[in-house]
Amino acid sequence: TEKMTRILNEIPSSTLGVVFDPVNL
């Protein structure tokens, strides 16, 4: 979860979204 959030913060583009597969994560 933390790394997903980190990439969203380091690349400040609204074009990045999350495909959330809870079992995979």
PDBML (XML) file of the C-alpha atoms, coordinates in Angstrom:
<?xml version="1.0" encoding="UTF-8" ?>
<PDBx:datablock datablockName="MODEL"
   xmlns:PDBx="http://pdbml.pdb.org/schema/pdbx-v50.xsd"
   xmlns:xsi="http://www.w3.org/2001/XMLSchema-instance"
   xsi:schemaLocation="http://pdbml.pdb.org/schema/pdbx-v50.xsd pdbx-v50.xsd">
   <PDBx:atom_siteCategory>
      <PDBx:atom_site id="1">
         <PDBx:B_iso_or_equiv>0.00</PDBx:B_iso_or_equiv>
         <PDBx:Cartn_x>0.000</PDBx:Cartn_x>
         <PDBx:Cartn_y>0.000</PDBx:Cartn_y>
         <PDBx:Cartn_z>0.000</PDBx:Cartn_z>
         <PDBx:auth_asym_id>A</PDBx:auth_asym_id>
         <PDBx:auth_atom_id>CA</PDBx:auth_atom_id>
         <PDBx:auth_comp_id>THR</PDBx:auth_comp_id>
         <PDBx:auth_seq_id>1</PDBx:auth_seq_id>
         <PDBx:group_PDB>ATOM</PDBx:group_PDB>
         <PDBx:label_alt_id xsi:nil="true" />
         <PDBx:label_asym_id>A</PDBx:label_asym_id>
         <PDBx:label_atom_id>CA</PDBx:label_atom_id>
         <PDBx:label_comp_id>THR</PDBx:label_comp_id>
         <PDBx:label_entity_id>1</PDBx:label_entity_id>
         <PDBx:label_seq_id>1</PDBx:label_seq_id>
         <PDBx:occupancy>1.00</PDBx:occupancy>
         <PDBx:pdbx_PDB_model_num>1</PDBx:pdbx_PDB_model_num>
         <PDBx:type_symbol>C</PDBx:type_symbol>
      </PDBx:atom_site>
      <PDBx:atom_site id="2">
         <PDBx:B_iso_or_equiv>0.00</PDBx:B_iso_or_equiv>
         <PDBx:Cartn_x>2.813</PDBx:Cartn_x>
         <PDBx:Cartn_y>2.378</PDBx:Cartn_y>
         <PDBx:Cartn_z>0.913</PDBx:Cartn_z>
         <PDBx:auth_asym_id>A</PDBx:auth_asym_id>
         <PDBx:auth_atom_id>CA</PDBx:auth_atom_id>
         <PDBx:auth_comp_id>GLU</PDBx:auth_comp_id>
         <PDBx:auth_seq_id>2</PDBx:auth_seq_id>
         <PDBx:group_PDB>ATOM</PDBx:group_PDB>
         <PDBx:label_alt_id xsi:nil="true" />
         <PDBx:label_asym_id>A</PDBx:label_asym_id>
         <PDBx:label_atom_id>CA</PDBx:label_atom_id>
         <PDBx:label_comp_id>GLU</PDBx:label_comp_id>
         <PDBx:label_entity_id>1</PDBx:label_entity_id>
         <PDBx:label_seq_id>2</PDBx:label_seq_id>
         <PDBx:occupancy>1.00</PDBx:occupancy>
         <PDBx:pdbx_PDB_model_num>1</PDBx:pdbx_PDB_model_num>
         <PDBx:type_symbol>C</PDBx:type_symbol>
      </PDBx:atom_site>
      <PDBx:atom_site id="3">
         <PDBx:B_iso_or_equiv>0.00</PDBx:B_iso_or_equiv>
         <PDBx:Cartn_x>4.655</PDBx:Cartn_x>
         <PDBx:Cartn_y>1.867</PDBx:Cartn_y>
         <PDBx:Cartn_z>-2.390</PDBx:Cartn_z>
         <PDBx:auth_asym_id>A</PDBx:auth_asym_id>
         <PDBx:auth_atom_id>CA</PDBx:auth_atom_id>
         <PDBx:auth_comp_id>LYS</PDBx:auth_comp_id>
         <PDBx:auth_seq_id>3</PDBx:auth_seq_id>
         <PDBx:group_PDB>ATOM</PDBx:group_PDB>
         <PDBx:label_alt_id xsi:nil="true" />
         <PDBx:label_asym_id>A</PDBx:label_asym_id>
         <PDBx:label_atom_id>CA</PDBx:label_atom_id>
         <PDBx:label_comp_id>LYS</PDBx:label_comp_id>
         <PDBx:label_entity_id>1</PDBx:label_entity_id>
         <PDBx:label_seq_id>3</PDBx:label_seq_id>
         <PDBx:occupancy>1.00</PDBx:occupancy>
         <PDBx:pdbx_PDB_model_num>1</PDBx:pdbx_PDB_model_num>
         <PDBx:type_symbol>C</PDBx:type_symbol>
      </PDBx:atom_site>
      <PDBx:atom_site id="4">
         <PDBx:B_iso_or_equiv>0.00</PDBx:B_iso_or_equiv>
         <PDBx:Cartn_x>1.452</PDBx:Cartn_x>
         <PDBx:Cartn_y>2.379</PDBx:Cartn_y>
         <PDBx:Cartn_z>-4.351</PDBx:Cartn_z>
         <PDBx:auth_asym_id>A</PDBx:auth_asym_id>
         <PDBx:auth_atom_id>CA</PDBx:auth_atom_id>
         <PDBx:auth_comp_id>MET</PDBx:auth_comp_id>
         <PDBx:auth_seq_id>4</PDBx:auth_seq_id>
         <PDBx:group_PDB>ATOM</PDBx:group_PDB>
         <PDBx:label_alt_id xsi:nil="true" />
         <PDBx:label_asym_id>A</PDBx:label_asym_id>
         <PDBx:label_atom_id>CA</PDBx:label_atom_id>
         <PDBx:label_comp_id>MET</PDBx:label_comp_id>
         <PDBx:label_entity_id>1</PDBx:label_entity_id>
         <PDBx:label_seq_id>4</PDBx:label_seq_id>
         <PDBx:occupancy>1.00</PDBx:occupancy>
         <PDBx:pdbx_PDB_model_num>1</PDBx:pdbx_PDB_model_num>
         <PDBx:type_symbol>C</PDBx:type_symbol>
      </PDBx:atom_site>
      <PDBx:atom_site id="5">
         <PDBx:B_iso_or_equiv>0.00</PDBx:B_iso_or_equiv>
         <PDBx:Cartn_x>0.979</PDBx:Cartn_x>
         <PDBx:Cartn_y>5.676</PDBx:Cartn_y>
         <PDBx:Cartn_z>-2.566</PDBx:Cartn_z>
         <PDBx:auth_asym_id>A</PDBx:auth_asym_id>
         <PDBx:auth_atom_id>CA</PDBx:auth_atom_id>
         <PDBx:auth_comp_id>THR</PDBx:auth_comp_id>
         <PDBx:auth_seq_id>5</PDBx:auth_seq_id>
         <PDBx:group_PDB>ATOM</PDBx:group_PDB>
         <PDBx:label_alt_id xsi:nil="true" />
         <PDBx:label_asym_id>A</PDBx:label_asym_id>
         <PDBx:label_atom_id>CA</PDBx:label_atom_id>
         <PDBx:label_comp_id>THR</PDBx:label_comp_id>
         <PDBx:label_entity_id>1</PDBx:label_entity_id>
         <PDBx:label_seq_id>5</PDBx:label_seq_id>
         <PDBx:occupancy>1.00</PDBx:occupancy>
         <PDBx:pdbx_PDB_model_num>1</PDBx:pdbx_PDB_model_num>
         <PDBx:type_symbol>C</PDBx:type_symbol>
      </PDBx:atom_site>
      <PDBx:atom_site id="6">
         <PDBx:B_iso_or_equiv>0.00</PDBx:B_iso_or_equiv>
         <PDBx:Cartn_x>4.638</PDBx:Cartn_x>
         <PDBx:Cartn_y>6.593</PDBx:Cartn_y>
         <PDBx:Cartn_z>-3.051</PDBx:Cartn_z>
         <PDBx:auth_asym_id>A</PDBx:auth_asym_id>
         <PDBx:auth_atom_id>CA</PDBx:auth_atom_id>
         <PDBx:auth_comp_id>ARG</PDBx:auth_comp_id>
         <PDBx:auth_seq_id>6</PDBx:auth_seq_id>
         <PDBx:group_PDB>ATOM</PDBx:group_PDB>
         <PDBx:label_alt_id xsi:nil="true" />
         <PDBx:label_asym_id>A</PDBx:label_asym_id>
         <PDBx:label_atom_id>CA</PDBx:label_atom_id>
         <PDBx:label_comp_id>ARG</PDBx:label_comp_id>
         <PDBx:label_entity_id>1</PDBx:label_entity_id>
         <PDBx:label_seq_id>6</PDBx:label_seq_id>
         <PDBx:occupancy>1.00</PDBx:occupancy>
         <PDBx:pdbx_PDB_model_num>1</PDBx:pdbx_PDB_model_num>
         <PDBx:type_symbol>C</PDBx:type_symbol>
      </PDBx:atom_site>
      <PDBx:atom_site id="7">
         <PDBx:B_iso_or_equiv>0.00</PDBx:B_iso_or_equiv>
         <PDBx:Cartn_x>4.473</PDBx:Cartn_x>
         <PDBx:Cartn_y>6.249</PDBx:Cartn_y>
         <PDBx:Cartn_z>-6.851</PDBx:Cartn_z>
         <PDBx:auth_asym_id>A</PDBx:auth_asym_id>
         <PDBx:auth_atom_id>CA</PDBx:auth_atom_id>
         <PDBx:auth_comp_id>ILE</PDBx:auth_comp_id>
         <PDBx:auth_seq_id>7</PDBx:auth_seq_id>
         <PDBx:group_PDB>ATOM</PDBx:group_PDB>
         <PDBx:label_alt_id xsi:nil="true" />
         <PDBx:label_asym_id>A</PDBx:label_asym_id>
         <PDBx:label_atom_id>CA</PDBx:label_atom_id>
         <PDBx:label_comp_id>ILE</PDBx:label_comp_id>
         <PDBx:label_entity_id>1</PDBx:label_entity_id>
         <PDBx:label_seq_id>7</PDBx:label_seq_id>
         <PDBx:occupancy>1.00</PDBx:occupancy>
         <PDBx:pdbx_PDB_model_num>1</PDBx:pdbx_PDB_model_num>
         <PDBx:type_symbol>C</PDBx:type_symbol>
      </PDBx:atom_site>
      <PDBx:atom_site id="8">
         <PDBx:B_iso_or_equiv>0.00</PDBx:B_iso_or_equiv>
         <PDBx:Cartn_x>1.322</PDBx:Cartn_x>
         <PDBx:Cartn_y>8.389</PDBx:Cartn_y>
         <PDBx:Cartn_z>-6.922</PDBx:Cartn_z>
         <PDBx:auth_asym_id>A</PDBx:auth_asym_id>
         <PDBx:auth_atom_id>CA</PDBx:auth_atom_id>
         <PDBx:auth_comp_id>LEU</PDBx:auth_comp_id>
         <PDBx:auth_seq_id>8</PDBx:auth_seq_id>
         <PDBx:group_PDB>ATOM</PDBx:group_PDB>
         <PDBx:label_alt_id xsi:nil="true" />
         <PDBx:label_asym_id>A</PDBx:label_asym_id>
         <PDBx:label_atom_id>CA</PDBx:label_atom_id>
         <PDBx:label_comp_id>LEU</PDBx:label_comp_id>
         <PDBx:label_entity_id>1</PDBx:label_entity_id>
         <PDBx:label_seq_id>8</PDBx:label_seq_id>
         <PDBx:occupancy>1.00</PDBx:occupancy>
         <PDBx:pdbx_PDB_model_num>1</PDBx:pdbx_PDB_model_num>
         <PDBx:type_symbol>C</PDBx:type_symbol>
      </PDBx:atom_site>
      <PDBx:atom_site id="9">
         <PDBx:B_iso_or_equiv>0.00</PDBx:B_iso_or_equiv>
         <PDBx:Cartn_x>3.158</PDBx:Cartn_x>
         <PDBx:Cartn_y>11.059</PDBx:Cartn_y>
         <PDBx:Cartn_z>-4.917</PDBx:Cartn_z>
         <PDBx:auth_asym_id>A</PDBx:auth_asym_id>
         <PDBx:auth_atom_id>CA</PDBx:auth_atom_id>
         <PDBx:auth_comp_id>ASN</PDBx:auth_comp_id>
         <PDBx:auth_seq_id>9</PDBx:auth_seq_id>
         <PDBx:group_PDB>ATOM</PDBx:group_PDB>
         <PDBx:label_alt_id xsi:nil="true" />
         <PDBx:label_asym_id>A</PDBx:label_asym_id>
         <PDBx:label_atom_id>CA</PDBx:label_atom_id>
         <PDBx:label_comp_id>ASN</PDBx:label_comp_id>
         <PDBx:label_entity_id>1</PDBx:label_entity_id>
         <PDBx:label_seq_id>9</PDBx:label_seq_id>
         <PDBx:occupancy>1.00</PDBx:occupancy>
         <PDBx:pdbx_PDB_model_num>1</PDBx:pdbx_PDB_model_num>
         <PDBx:type_symbol>C</PDBx:type_symbol>
      </PDBx:atom_site>
      <PDBx:atom_site id="10">
         <PDBx:B_iso_or_equiv>0.00</PDBx:B_iso_or_equiv>
         <PDBx:Cartn_x>6.409</PDBx:Cartn_x>
         <PDBx:Cartn_y>10.903</PDBx:Cartn_y>
         <PDBx:Cartn_z>-6.903</PDBx:Cartn_z>
         <PDBx:auth_asym_id>A</PDBx:auth_asym_id>
         <PDBx:auth_atom_id>CA</PDBx:auth_atom_id>
         <PDBx:auth_comp_id>GLU</PDBx:auth_comp_id>
         <PDBx:auth_seq_id>10</PDBx:auth_seq_id>
         <PDBx:group_PDB>ATOM</PDBx:group_PDB>
         <PDBx:label_alt_id xsi:nil="true" />
         <PDBx:label_asym_id>A</PDBx:label_asym_id>
         <PDBx:label_atom_id>CA</PDBx:label_atom_id>
         <PDBx:label_comp_id>GLU</PDBx:label_comp_id>
         <PDBx:label_entity_id>1</PDBx:label_entity_id>
         <PDBx:label_seq_id>10</PDBx:label_seq_id>
         <PDBx:occupancy>1.00</PDBx:occupancy>
         <PDBx:pdbx_PDB_model_num>1</PDBx:pdbx_PDB_model_num>
         <PDBx:type_symbol>C</PDBx:type_symbol>
      </PDBx:atom_site>
      <PDBx:atom_site id="11">
         <PDBx:B_iso_or_equiv>0.00</PDBx:B_iso_or_equiv>
         <PDBx:Cartn_x>4.597</PDBx:Cartn_x>
         <PDBx:Cartn_y>11.159</PDBx:Cartn_y>
         <PDBx:Cartn_z>-10.245</PDBx:Cartn_z>
         <PDBx:auth_asym_id>A</PDBx:auth_asym_id>
         <PDBx:auth_atom_id>CA</PDBx:auth_atom_id>
         <PDBx:auth_comp_id>ILE</PDBx:auth_comp_id>
         <PDBx:auth_seq_id>11</PDBx:auth_seq_id>
         <PDBx:group_PDB>ATOM</PDBx:group_PDB>
         <PDBx:label_alt_id xsi:nil="true" />
         <PDBx:label_asym_id>A</PDBx:label_asym_id>
         <PDBx:label_atom_id>CA</PDBx:label_atom_id>
         <PDBx:label_comp_id>ILE</PDBx:label_comp_id>
         <PDBx:label_entity_id>1</PDBx:label_entity_id>
         <PDBx:label_seq_id>11</PDBx:label_seq_id>
         <PDBx:occupancy>1.00</PDBx:occupancy>
         <PDBx:pdbx_PDB_model_num>1</PDBx:pdbx_PDB_model_num>
         <PDBx:type_symbol>C</PDBx:type_symbol>
      </PDBx:atom_site>
      <PDBx:atom_site id="12">
         <PDBx:B_iso_or_equiv>0.00</PDBx:B_iso_or_equiv>
         <PDBx:Cartn_x>2.113</PDBx:Cartn_x>
         <PDBx:Cartn_y>13.987</PDBx:Cartn_y>
         <PDBx:Cartn_z>-9.648</PDBx:Cartn_z>
         <PDBx:auth_asym_id>A</PDBx:auth_asym_id>
         <PDBx:auth_atom_id>CA</PDBx:auth_atom_id>
         <PDBx:auth_comp_id>PRO</PDBx:auth_comp_id>
         <PDBx:auth_seq_id>12</PDBx:auth_seq_id>
         <PDBx:group_PDB>ATOM</PDBx:group_PDB>
         <PDBx:label_alt_id xsi:nil="true" />
         <PDBx:label_asym_id>A</PDBx:label_asym_id>
         <PDBx:label_atom_id>CA</PDBx:label_atom_id>
         <PDBx:label_comp_id>PRO</PDBx:label_comp_id>
         <PDBx:label_entity_id>1</PDBx:label_entity_id>
         <PDBx:label_seq_id>12</PDBx:label_seq_id>
         <PDBx:occupancy>1.00</PDBx:occupancy>
         <PDBx:pdbx_PDB_model_num>1</PDBx:pdbx_PDB_model_num>
         <PDBx:type_symbol>C</PDBx:type_symbol>
      </PDBx:atom_site>
      <PDBx:atom_site id="13">
         <PDBx:B_iso_or_equiv>0.00</PDBx:B_iso_or_equiv>
         <PDBx:Cartn_x>-0.101</PDBx:Cartn_x>
         <PDBx:Cartn_y>13.185</PDBx:Cartn_y>
         <PDBx:Cartn_z>-12.630</PDBx:Cartn_z>
         <PDBx:auth_asym_id>A</PDBx:auth_asym_id>
         <PDBx:auth_atom_id>CA</PDBx:auth_atom_id>
         <PDBx:auth_comp_id>SER</PDBx:auth_comp_id>
         <PDBx:auth_seq_id>13</PDBx:auth_seq_id>
         <PDBx:group_PDB>ATOM</PDBx:group_PDB>
         <PDBx:label_alt_id xsi:nil="true" />
         <PDBx:label_asym_id>A</PDBx:label_asym_id>
         <PDBx:label_atom_id>CA</PDBx:label_atom_id>
         <PDBx:label_comp_id>SER</PDBx:label_comp_id>
         <PDBx:label_entity_id>1</PDBx:label_entity_id>
         <PDBx:label_seq_id>13</PDBx:label_seq_id>
         <PDBx:occupancy>1.00</PDBx:occupancy>
         <PDBx:pdbx_PDB_model_num>1</PDBx:pdbx_PDB_model_num>
         <PDBx:type_symbol>C</PDBx:type_symbol>
      </PDBx:atom_site>
      <PDBx:atom_site id="14">
         <PDBx:B_iso_or_equiv>0.00</PDBx:B_iso_or_equiv>
         <PDBx:Cartn_x>-3.843</PDBx:Cartn_x>
         <PDBx:Cartn_y>12.724</PDBx:Cartn_y>
         <PDBx:Cartn_z>-12.428</PDBx:Cartn_z>
         <PDBx:auth_asym_id>A</PDBx:auth_asym_id>
         <PDBx:auth_atom_id>CA</PDBx:auth_atom_id>
         <PDBx:auth_comp_id>SER</PDBx:auth_comp_id>
         <PDBx:auth_seq_id>14</PDBx:auth_seq_id>
         <PDBx:group_PDB>ATOM</PDBx:group_PDB>
         <PDBx:label_alt_id xsi:nil="true" />
         <PDBx:label_asym_id>A</PDBx:label_asym_id>
         <PDBx:label_atom_id>CA</PDBx:label_atom_id>
         <PDBx:label_comp_id>SER</PDBx:label_comp_id>
         <PDBx:label_entity_id>1</PDBx:label_entity_id>
         <PDBx:label_seq_id>14</PDBx:label_seq_id>
         <PDBx:occupancy>1.00</PDBx:occupancy>
         <PDBx:pdbx_PDB_model_num>1</PDBx:pdbx_PDB_model_num>
         <PDBx:type_symbol>C</PDBx:type_symbol>
      </PDBx:atom_site>
      <PDBx:atom_site id="15">
         <PDBx:B_iso_or_equiv>0.00</PDBx:B_iso_or_equiv>
         <PDBx:Cartn_x>-3.548</PDBx:Cartn_x>
         <PDBx:Cartn_y>10.147</PDBx:Cartn_y>
         <PDBx:Cartn_z>-15.218</PDBx:Cartn_z>
         <PDBx:auth_asym_id>A</PDBx:auth_asym_id>
         <PDBx:auth_atom_id>CA</PDBx:auth_atom_id>
         <PDBx:auth_comp_id>THR</PDBx:auth_comp_id>
         <PDBx:auth_seq_id>15</PDBx:auth_seq_id>
         <PDBx:group_PDB>ATOM</PDBx:group_PDB>
         <PDBx:label_alt_id xsi:nil="true" />
         <PDBx:label_asym_id>A</PDBx:label_asym_id>
         <PDBx:label_atom_id>CA</PDBx:label_atom_id>
         <PDBx:label_comp_id>THR</PDBx:label_comp_id>
         <PDBx:label_entity_id>1</PDBx:label_entity_id>
         <PDBx:label_seq_id>15</PDBx:label_seq_id>
         <PDBx:occupancy>1.00</PDBx:occupancy>
         <PDBx:pdbx_PDB_model_num>1</PDBx:pdbx_PDB_model_num>
         <PDBx:type_symbol>C</PDBx:type_symbol>
      </PDBx:atom_site>
      <PDBx:atom_site id="16">
         <PDBx:B_iso_or_equiv>0.00</PDBx:B_iso_or_equiv>
         <PDBx:Cartn_x>-2.302</PDBx:Cartn_x>
         <PDBx:Cartn_y>7.510</PDBx:Cartn_y>
         <PDBx:Cartn_z>-12.757</PDBx:Cartn_z>
         <PDBx:auth_asym_id>A</PDBx:auth_asym_id>
         <PDBx:auth_atom_id>CA</PDBx:auth_atom_id>
         <PDBx:auth_comp_id>LEU</PDBx:auth_comp_id>
         <PDBx:auth_seq_id>16</PDBx:auth_seq_id>
         <PDBx:group_PDB>ATOM</PDBx:group_PDB>
         <PDBx:label_alt_id xsi:nil="true" />
         <PDBx:label_asym_id>A</PDBx:label_asym_id>
         <PDBx:label_atom_id>CA</PDBx:label_atom_id>
         <PDBx:label_comp_id>LEU</PDBx:label_comp_id>
         <PDBx:label_entity_id>1</PDBx:label_entity_id>
         <PDBx:label_seq_id>16</PDBx:label_seq_id>
         <PDBx:occupancy>1.00</PDBx:occupancy>
         <PDBx:pdbx_PDB_model_num>1</PDBx:pdbx_PDB_model_num>
         <PDBx:type_symbol>C</PDBx:type_symbol>
      </PDBx:atom_site>
      <PDBx:atom_site id="17">
         <PDBx:B_iso_or_equiv>0.00</PDBx:B_iso_or_equiv>
         <PDBx:Cartn_x>-4.974</PDBx:Cartn_x>
         <PDBx:Cartn_y>5.433</PDBx:Cartn_y>
         <PDBx:Cartn_z>-11.068</PDBx:Cartn_z>
         <PDBx:auth_asym_id>A</PDBx:auth_asym_id>
         <PDBx:auth_atom_id>CA</PDBx:auth_atom_id>
         <PDBx:auth_comp_id>GLY</PDBx:auth_comp_id>
         <PDBx:auth_seq_id>17</PDBx:auth_seq_id>
         <PDBx:group_PDB>ATOM</PDBx:group_PDB>
         <PDBx:label_alt_id xsi:nil="true" />
         <PDBx:label_asym_id>A</PDBx:label_asym_id>
         <PDBx:label_atom_id>CA</PDBx:label_atom_id>
         <PDBx:label_comp_id>GLY</PDBx:label_comp_id>
         <PDBx:label_entity_id>1</PDBx:label_entity_id>
         <PDBx:label_seq_id>17</PDBx:label_seq_id>
         <PDBx:occupancy>1.00</PDBx:occupancy>
         <PDBx:pdbx_PDB_model_num>1</PDBx:pdbx_PDB_model_num>
         <PDBx:type_symbol>C</PDBx:type_symbol>
      </PDBx:atom_site>
      <PDBx:atom_site id="18">
         <PDBx:B_iso_or_equiv>0.00</PDBx:B_iso_or_equiv>
         <PDBx:Cartn_x>-5.088</PDBx:Cartn_x>
         <PDBx:Cartn_y>2.237</PDBx:Cartn_y>
         <PDBx:Cartn_z>-9.019</PDBx:Cartn_z>
         <PDBx:auth_asym_id>A</PDBx:auth_asym_id>
         <PDBx:auth_atom_id>CA</PDBx:auth_atom_id>
         <PDBx:auth_comp_id>VAL</PDBx:auth_comp_id>
         <PDBx:auth_seq_id>18</PDBx:auth_seq_id>
         <PDBx:group_PDB>ATOM</PDBx:group_PDB>
         <PDBx:label_alt_id xsi:nil="true" />
         <PDBx:label_asym_id>A</PDBx:label_asym_id>
         <PDBx:label_atom_id>CA</PDBx:label_atom_id>
         <PDBx:label_comp_id>VAL</PDBx:label_comp_id>
         <PDBx:label_entity_id>1</PDBx:label_entity_id>
         <PDBx:label_seq_id>18</PDBx:label_seq_id>
         <PDBx:occupancy>1.00</PDBx:occupancy>
         <PDBx:pdbx_PDB_model_num>1</PDBx:pdbx_PDB_model_num>
         <PDBx:type_symbol>C</PDBx:type_symbol>
      </PDBx:atom_site>
      <PDBx:atom_site id="19">
         <PDBx:B_iso_or_equiv>0.00</PDBx:B_iso_or_equiv>
         <PDBx:Cartn_x>-6.333</PDBx:Cartn_x>
         <PDBx:Cartn_y>-1.177</PDBx:Cartn_y>
         <PDBx:Cartn_z>-10.074</PDBx:Cartn_z>
         <PDBx:auth_asym_id>A</PDBx:auth_asym_id>
         <PDBx:auth_atom_id>CA</PDBx:auth_atom_id>
         <PDBx:auth_comp_id>VAL</PDBx:auth_comp_id>
         <PDBx:auth_seq_id>19</PDBx:auth_seq_id>
         <PDBx:group_PDB>ATOM</PDBx:group_PDB>
         <PDBx:label_alt_id xsi:nil="true" />
         <PDBx:label_asym_id>A</PDBx:label_asym_id>
         <PDBx:label_atom_id>CA</PDBx:label_atom_id>
         <PDBx:label_comp_id>VAL</PDBx:label_comp_id>
         <PDBx:label_entity_id>1</PDBx:label_entity_id>
         <PDBx:label_seq_id>19</PDBx:label_seq_id>
         <PDBx:occupancy>1.00</PDBx:occupancy>
         <PDBx:pdbx_PDB_model_num>1</PDBx:pdbx_PDB_model_num>
         <PDBx:type_symbol>C</PDBx:type_symbol>
      </PDBx:atom_site>
      <PDBx:atom_site id="20">
         <PDBx:B_iso_or_equiv>0.00</PDBx:B_iso_or_equiv>
         <PDBx:Cartn_x>-7.005</PDBx:Cartn_x>
         <PDBx:Cartn_y>-2.644</PDBx:Cartn_y>
         <PDBx:Cartn_z>-6.649</PDBx:Cartn_z>
         <PDBx:auth_asym_id>A</PDBx:auth_asym_id>
         <PDBx:auth_atom_id>CA</PDBx:auth_atom_id>
         <PDBx:auth_comp_id>PHE</PDBx:auth_comp_id>
         <PDBx:auth_seq_id>20</PDBx:auth_seq_id>
         <PDBx:group_PDB>ATOM</PDBx:group_PDB>
         <PDBx:label_alt_id xsi:nil="true" />
         <PDBx:label_asym_id>A</PDBx:label_asym_id>
         <PDBx:label_atom_id>CA</PDBx:label_atom_id>
         <PDBx:label_comp_id>PHE</PDBx:label_comp_id>
         <PDBx:label_entity_id>1</PDBx:label_entity_id>
         <PDBx:label_seq_id>20</PDBx:label_seq_id>
         <PDBx:occupancy>1.00</PDBx:occupancy>
         <PDBx:pdbx_PDB_model_num>1</PDBx:pdbx_PDB_model_num>
         <PDBx:type_symbol>C</PDBx:type_symbol>
      </PDBx:atom_site>
      <PDBx:atom_site id="21">
         <PDBx:B_iso_or_equiv>0.00</PDBx:B_iso_or_equiv>
         <PDBx:Cartn_x>-6.782</PDBx:Cartn_x>
         <PDBx:Cartn_y>-6.421</PDBx:Cartn_y>
         <PDBx:Cartn_z>-6.391</PDBx:Cartn_z>
         <PDBx:auth_asym_id>A</PDBx:auth_asym_id>
         <PDBx:auth_atom_id>CA</PDBx:auth_atom_id>
         <PDBx:auth_comp_id>ASP</PDBx:auth_comp_id>
         <PDBx:auth_seq_id>21</PDBx:auth_seq_id>
         <PDBx:group_PDB>ATOM</PDBx:group_PDB>
         <PDBx:label_alt_id xsi:nil="true" />
         <PDBx:label_asym_id>A</PDBx:label_asym_id>
         <PDBx:label_atom_id>CA</PDBx:label_atom_id>
         <PDBx:label_comp_id>ASP</PDBx:label_comp_id>
         <PDBx:label_entity_id>1</PDBx:label_entity_id>
         <PDBx:label_seq_id>21</PDBx:label_seq_id>
         <PDBx:occupancy>1.00</PDBx:occupancy>
         <PDBx:pdbx_PDB_model_num>1</PDBx:pdbx_PDB_model_num>
         <PDBx:type_symbol>C</PDBx:type_symbol>
      </PDBx:atom_site>
      <PDBx:atom_site id="22">
         <PDBx:B_iso_or_equiv>0.00</PDBx:B_iso_or_equiv>
         <PDBx:Cartn_x>-6.845</PDBx:Cartn_x>
         <PDBx:Cartn_y>-7.026</PDBx:Cartn_y>
         <PDBx:Cartn_z>-2.640</PDBx:Cartn_z>
         <PDBx:auth_asym_id>A</PDBx:auth_asym_id>
         <PDBx:auth_atom_id>CA</PDBx:auth_atom_id>
         <PDBx:auth_comp_id>PRO</PDBx:auth_comp_id>
         <PDBx:auth_seq_id>22</PDBx:auth_seq_id>
         <PDBx:group_PDB>ATOM</PDBx:group_PDB>
         <PDBx:label_alt_id xsi:nil="true" />
         <PDBx:label_asym_id>A</PDBx:label_asym_id>
         <PDBx:label_atom_id>CA</PDBx:label_atom_id>
         <PDBx:label_comp_id>PRO</PDBx:label_comp_id>
         <PDBx:label_entity_id>1</PDBx:label_entity_id>
         <PDBx:label_seq_id>22</PDBx:label_seq_id>
         <PDBx:occupancy>1.00</PDBx:occupancy>
         <PDBx:pdbx_PDB_model_num>1</PDBx:pdbx_PDB_model_num>
         <PDBx:type_symbol>C</PDBx:type_symbol>
      </PDBx:atom_site>
      <PDBx:atom_site id="23">
         <PDBx:B_iso_or_equiv>0.00</PDBx:B_iso_or_equiv>
         <PDBx:Cartn_x>-5.899</PDBx:Cartn_x>
         <PDBx:Cartn_y>-10.700</PDBx:Cartn_y>
         <PDBx:Cartn_z>-2.920</PDBx:Cartn_z>
         <PDBx:auth_asym_id>A</PDBx:auth_asym_id>
         <PDBx:auth_atom_id>CA</PDBx:auth_atom_id>
         <PDBx:auth_comp_id>VAL</PDBx:auth_comp_id>
         <PDBx:auth_seq_id>23</PDBx:auth_seq_id>
         <PDBx:group_PDB>ATOM</PDBx:group_PDB>
         <PDBx:label_alt_id xsi:nil="true" />
         <PDBx:label_asym_id>A</PDBx:label_asym_id>
         <PDBx:label_atom_id>CA</PDBx:label_atom_id>
         <PDBx:label_comp_id>VAL</PDBx:label_comp_id>
         <PDBx:label_entity_id>1</PDBx:label_entity_id>
         <PDBx:label_seq_id>23</PDBx:label_seq_id>
         <PDBx:occupancy>1.00</PDBx:occupancy>
         <PDBx:pdbx_PDB_model_num>1</PDBx:pdbx_PDB_model_num>
         <PDBx:type_symbol>C</PDBx:type_symbol>
      </PDBx:atom_site>
      <PDBx:atom_site id="24">
         <PDBx:B_iso_or_equiv>0.00</PDBx:B_iso_or_equiv>
         <PDBx:Cartn_x>-2.832</PDBx:Cartn_x>
         <PDBx:Cartn_y>-9.853</PDBx:Cartn_y>
         <PDBx:Cartn_z>-5.018</PDBx:Cartn_z>
         <PDBx:auth_asym_id>A</PDBx:auth_asym_id>
         <PDBx:auth_atom_id>CA</PDBx:auth_atom_id>
         <PDBx:auth_comp_id>ASN</PDBx:auth_comp_id>
         <PDBx:auth_seq_id>24</PDBx:auth_seq_id>
         <PDBx:group_PDB>ATOM</PDBx:group_PDB>
         <PDBx:label_alt_id xsi:nil="true" />
         <PDBx:label_asym_id>A</PDBx:label_asym_id>
         <PDBx:label_atom_id>CA</PDBx:label_atom_id>
         <PDBx:label_comp_id>ASN</PDBx:label_comp_id>
         <PDBx:label_entity_id>1</PDBx:label_entity_id>
         <PDBx:label_seq_id>24</PDBx:label_seq_id>
         <PDBx:occupancy>1.00</PDBx:occupancy>
         <PDBx:pdbx_PDB_model_num>1</PDBx:pdbx_PDB_model_num>
         <PDBx:type_symbol>C</PDBx:type_symbol>
      </PDBx:atom_site>
      <PDBx:atom_site id="25">
         <PDBx:B_iso_or_equiv>0.00</PDBx:B_iso_or_equiv>
         <PDBx:Cartn_x>-1.718</PDBx:Cartn_x>
         <PDBx:Cartn_y>-7.182</PDBx:Cartn_y>
         <PDBx:Cartn_z>-2.559</PDBx:Cartn_z>
         <PDBx:auth_asym_id>A</PDBx:auth_asym_id>
         <PDBx:auth_atom_id>CA</PDBx:auth_atom_id>
         <PDBx:auth_comp_id>LEU</PDBx:auth_comp_id>
         <PDBx:auth_seq_id>25</PDBx:auth_seq_id>
         <PDBx:group_PDB>ATOM</PDBx:group_PDB>
         <PDBx:label_alt_id xsi:nil="true" />
         <PDBx:label_asym_id>A</PDBx:label_asym_id>
         <PDBx:label_atom_id>CA</PDBx:label_atom_id>
         <PDBx:label_comp_id>LEU</PDBx:label_comp_id>
         <PDBx:label_entity_id>1</PDBx:label_entity_id>
         <PDBx:label_seq_id>25</PDBx:label_seq_id>
         <PDBx:occupancy>1.00</PDBx:occupancy>
         <PDBx:pdbx_PDB_model_num>1</PDBx:pdbx_PDB_model_num>
         <PDBx:type_symbol>C</PDBx:type_symbol>
      </PDBx:atom_site>
   </PDBx:atom_siteCategory>
</PDBx:datablock>
